[in-house]
Structure formats: structure tokens, C-alpha cells
Amino acid sequence: QVQLVESGGGSVQPGGSLTLTCTASDKIFNIYTMAWYRQAPGKQRELVADISSSGRPTIRDSVKGRFTISRDGAKKTVYLQMNSLKPDDTAVYYCNRHNSMVPWGQGTQVTVSS
């Protein structure tokens, strides 16, 4: 069974930066589009960014210009670089395949507050 492990979250002030890391125990990781999602308290989980198997990123409007997604196939890892963080970015962040999802990991908490 594929396992996803997210890390790198924390508490930062508005305007701060964090880099999230997701490592997958997926033998065929490199063929999938991978994505970062987030779920804020009381809200549904939403897609934040995805990156194709060839490395083409798609960033959602809500974080465009502030977040960058990348991947390292050799390490089976996906990254989310988050800059200029806002309080509205506060959420638990998860990674998963964009399609053919596997069981969710535990996520990593990001809190943006002054």
C-alpha cells in the first residue's frame, strides 16, 4: 500500500515562508501527476497545486505568485514552497496523486498568525 508522508509545516507570521515536503512509498511515483491539497477548519479540502509527471506545474489562483510546486523523481518527493504566507493559508496540507488517489497521509499543519 502506498504511503504518503508530509512534513515541513509550522507556525509563521504573515509574510513568512515555509517549504513542505511529501515523500511517497510509491514504486510508480514518477508516472503520476502529484498534487498538494489543504483543508482549513470547517472547510472542504481544496486543491492548491499540482505537477505533472513531466514537471509541468499548475498553481491555483488563490496562491498563484506565492506558491511553487516541484518534484524529485529519484527521491519520490514533492515539494511546496510557500512564500508571502497569509492567515487564510492556515490549514492542514496534504499531498496525493491528482487522480487514482491513494489513502491520505497525516498531513502537516500550517498556521499563519501574528
C-alpha atoms as a PDB file:
ATOM      1  CA  GLN A   1       0.000   0.000   0.000  1.00  0.00           C
ATOM      2  CA  VAL A   2       1.293   3.415  -0.955  1.00  0.00           C
ATOM      3  CA  GLN A   3       2.076   5.677   1.965  1.00  0.00           C
ATOM      4  CA  LEU A   4       2.392   9.450   1.841  1.00  0.00           C
ATOM      5  CA  VAL A   5       4.310  11.354   4.492  1.00  0.00           C
ATOM      6  CA  GLU A   6       4.034  15.140   4.662  1.00  0.00           C
ATOM      7  CA  SER A   7       6.336  17.357   6.691  1.00  0.00           C
ATOM      8  CA  GLY A   8       7.622  20.893   6.976  1.00  0.00           C
ATOM      9  CA  GLY A   9       4.619  22.671   8.417  1.00  0.00           C
ATOM     10  CA  GLY A  10       4.767  25.071  11.312  1.00  0.00           C
ATOM     11  CA  SER A  11       3.693  28.400  12.687  1.00  0.00           C
ATOM     12  CA  VAL A  12       4.799  31.554  10.910  1.00  0.00           C
ATOM     13  CA  GLN A  13       3.885  35.197  10.844  1.00  0.00           C
ATOM     14  CA  PRO A  14       2.143  36.747   7.858  1.00  0.00           C
ATOM     15  CA  GLY A  15       4.636  37.270   5.075  1.00  0.00           C
ATOM     16  CA  GLY A  16       6.711  34.317   6.152  1.00  0.00           C
ATOM     17  CA  SER A  17       7.759  31.253   4.180  1.00  0.00           C
ATOM     18  CA  LEU A  18       7.655  27.501   4.557  1.00  0.00           C
ATOM     19  CA  THR A  19       8.636  24.551   2.393  1.00  0.00           C
ATOM     20  CA  LEU A  20       6.507  21.445   2.642  1.00  0.00           C
ATOM     21  CA  THR A  21       7.796  18.020   1.685  1.00  0.00           C
ATOM     22  CA  CYS A  22       5.848  14.916   0.723  1.00  0.00           C
ATOM     23  CA  THR A  23       7.562  11.589   0.313  1.00  0.00           C
ATOM     24  CA  ALA A  24       5.760   8.664  -1.282  1.00  0.00           C
ATOM     25  CA  SER A  25       6.426   4.966  -0.964  1.00  0.00           C
ATOM     26  CA  ASP A  26       5.162   4.516  -4.486  1.00  0.00           C
ATOM     27  CA  LYS A  27       7.149   2.377  -6.904  1.00  0.00           C
ATOM     28  CA  ILE A  28       5.463   4.087  -9.833  1.00  0.00           C
ATOM     29  CA  PHE A  29       5.527   7.593  -8.378  1.00  0.00           C
ATOM     30  CA  ASN A  30       7.029   9.085 -11.490  1.00  0.00           C
ATOM     31  CA  ILE A  31       4.097   8.333 -13.775  1.00  0.00           C
ATOM     32  CA  TYR A  32       1.544  10.252 -11.743  1.00  0.00           C
ATOM     33  CA  THR A  33       0.588  13.873 -11.557  1.00  0.00           C
ATOM     34  CA  MET A  34       1.057  14.762  -7.903  1.00  0.00           C
ATOM     35  CA  ALA A  35      -0.768  17.469  -6.026  1.00  0.00           C
ATOM     36  CA  TRP A  36      -0.915  19.428  -2.819  1.00  0.00           C
ATOM     37  CA  TYR A  37      -4.239  19.954  -1.107  1.00  0.00           C
ATOM     38  CA  ARG A  38      -5.237  21.813   2.013  1.00  0.00           C
ATOM     39  CA  GLN A  39      -8.101  21.749   4.436  1.00  0.00           C
ATOM     40  CA  ALA A  40      -8.865  24.683   6.657  1.00  0.00           C
ATOM     41  CA  PRO A  41     -11.014  24.289   9.781  1.00  0.00           C
ATOM     42  CA  GLY A  42     -14.663  23.900   8.860  1.00  0.00           C
ATOM     43  CA  LYS A  43     -13.934  23.853   5.138  1.00  0.00           C
ATOM     44  CA  GLN A  44     -13.645  21.212   2.462  1.00  0.00           C
ATOM     45  CA  ARG A  45     -10.302  20.004   1.259  1.00  0.00           C
ATOM     46  CA  GLU A  46      -9.170  22.004  -1.761  1.00  0.00           C
ATOM     47  CA  LEU A  47      -6.579  21.549  -4.453  1.00  0.00           C
ATOM     48  CA  VAL A  48      -3.709  24.019  -4.185  1.00  0.00           C
ATOM     49  CA  ALA A  49      -1.257  22.983  -6.871  1.00  0.00           C
ATOM     50  CA  ASP A  50      -0.328  20.011  -8.985  1.00  0.00           C
ATOM     51  CA  ILE A  51       2.643  18.938 -11.048  1.00  0.00           C
ATOM     52  CA  SER A  52       2.591  16.533 -13.949  1.00  0.00           C
ATOM     53  CA  SER A  53       4.896  13.575 -14.391  1.00  0.00           C
ATOM     54  CA  SER A  54       6.932  15.726 -16.780  1.00  0.00           C
ATOM     55  CA  GLY A  55       7.226  18.526 -14.240  1.00  0.00           C
ATOM     56  CA  ARG A  56       4.622  20.960 -15.537  1.00  0.00           C
ATOM     57  CA  PRO A  57       3.103  22.838 -12.613  1.00  0.00           C
ATOM     58  CA  THR A  58      -0.409  24.179 -12.244  1.00  0.00           C
ATOM     59  CA  ILE A  59      -0.960  26.648  -9.443  1.00  0.00           C
ATOM     60  CA  ARG A  60      -4.434  27.668  -8.320  1.00  0.00           C
ATOM     61  CA  ASP A  61      -5.355  31.320  -8.474  1.00  0.00           C
ATOM     62  CA  SER A  62      -5.650  31.655  -4.715  1.00  0.00           C
ATOM     63  CA  VAL A  63      -1.914  31.026  -4.272  1.00  0.00           C
ATOM     64  CA  LYS A  64      -0.511  31.932  -7.671  1.00  0.00           C
ATOM     65  CA  GLY A  65       2.627  34.007  -7.449  1.00  0.00           C
ATOM     66  CA  ARG A  66       3.251  32.901  -3.879  1.00  0.00           C
ATOM     67  CA  PHE A  67       3.446  29.087  -4.000  1.00  0.00           C
ATOM     68  CA  THR A  68       5.698  26.900  -6.135  1.00  0.00           C
ATOM     69  CA  ILE A  69       5.407  23.146  -6.598  1.00  0.00           C
ATOM     70  CA  SER A  70       8.261  20.885  -7.642  1.00  0.00           C
ATOM     71  CA  ARG A  71       9.156  17.222  -7.596  1.00  0.00           C
ATOM     72  CA  ASP A  72      12.196  14.955  -7.404  1.00  0.00           C
ATOM     73  CA  GLY A  73      11.563  11.611  -9.047  1.00  0.00           C
ATOM     74  CA  ALA A  74      14.668   9.965  -7.668  1.00  0.00           C
ATOM     75  CA  LYS A  75      13.570  10.822  -4.143  1.00  0.00           C
ATOM     76  CA  LYS A  76       9.860  10.223  -4.841  1.00  0.00           C
ATOM     77  CA  THR A  77       9.242  13.577  -3.245  1.00  0.00           C
ATOM     78  CA  VAL A  78       7.031  16.549  -3.982  1.00  0.00           C
ATOM     79  CA  TYR A  79       7.694  19.991  -2.557  1.00  0.00           C
ATOM     80  CA  LEU A  80       5.542  23.036  -1.957  1.00  0.00           C
ATOM     81  CA  GLN A  81       7.432  26.275  -1.482  1.00  0.00           C
ATOM     82  CA  MET A  82       5.144  28.807   0.158  1.00  0.00           C
ATOM     83  CA  ASN A  83       6.073  32.470   0.303  1.00  0.00           C
ATOM     84  CA  SER A  84       4.242  35.593   1.431  1.00  0.00           C
ATOM     85  CA  LEU A  85       2.002  33.492   3.613  1.00  0.00           C
ATOM     86  CA  LYS A  86      -1.337  34.902   4.705  1.00  0.00           C
ATOM     87  CA  PRO A  87      -3.637  33.965   7.584  1.00  0.00           C
ATOM     88  CA  ASP A  88      -6.017  32.465   5.005  1.00  0.00           C
ATOM     89  CA  ASP A  89      -3.322  29.913   4.175  1.00  0.00           C
ATOM     90  CA  THR A  90      -3.774  28.358   7.600  1.00  0.00           C
ATOM     91  CA  ALA A  91      -4.762  24.729   7.045  1.00  0.00           C
ATOM     92  CA  VAL A  92      -3.599  21.156   7.159  1.00  0.00           C
ATOM     93  CA  TYR A  93      -1.709  20.453   3.955  1.00  0.00           C
ATOM     94  CA  TYR A  94      -1.776  17.068   2.260  1.00  0.00           C
ATOM     95  CA  CYS A  95      -0.278  15.594  -0.859  1.00  0.00           C
ATOM     96  CA  ASN A  96      -1.724  12.884  -3.062  1.00  0.00           C
ATOM     97  CA  ARG A  97      -1.943  11.808  -6.645  1.00  0.00           C
ATOM     98  CA  HIS A  98      -4.128  14.132  -8.687  1.00  0.00           C
ATOM     99  CA  ASN A  99      -6.019  11.094  -9.950  1.00  0.00           C
ATOM    100  CA  SER A 100      -6.141   7.491  -8.749  1.00  0.00           C
ATOM    101  CA  MET A 101      -5.701   8.745  -5.218  1.00  0.00           C
ATOM    102  CA  VAL A 102      -4.241   6.596  -2.500  1.00  0.00           C
ATOM    103  CA  PRO A 103      -5.002   6.760   1.238  1.00  0.00           C
ATOM    104  CA  TRP A 104      -4.292  10.192   2.667  1.00  0.00           C
ATOM    105  CA  GLY A 105      -1.329  10.787   4.906  1.00  0.00           C
ATOM    106  CA  GLN A 106      -1.493  12.585   8.216  1.00  0.00           C
ATOM    107  CA  GLY A 107      -0.888  15.970   6.640  1.00  0.00           C
ATOM    108  CA  THR A 108       1.184  18.804   8.027  1.00  0.00           C
ATOM    109  CA  GLN A 109      -0.258  21.795   9.866  1.00  0.00           C
ATOM    110  CA  VAL A 110       0.478  25.295   8.624  1.00  0.00           C
ATOM    111  CA  THR A 111      -0.541  28.166  10.862  1.00  0.00           C
ATOM    112  CA  VAL A 112      -0.118  31.774   9.764  1.00  0.00           C
ATOM    113  CA  SER A 113      -0.764  34.225  12.530  1.00  0.00           C
ATOM    114  CA  SER A 114       0.663  37.354  14.035  1.00  0.00           C
END
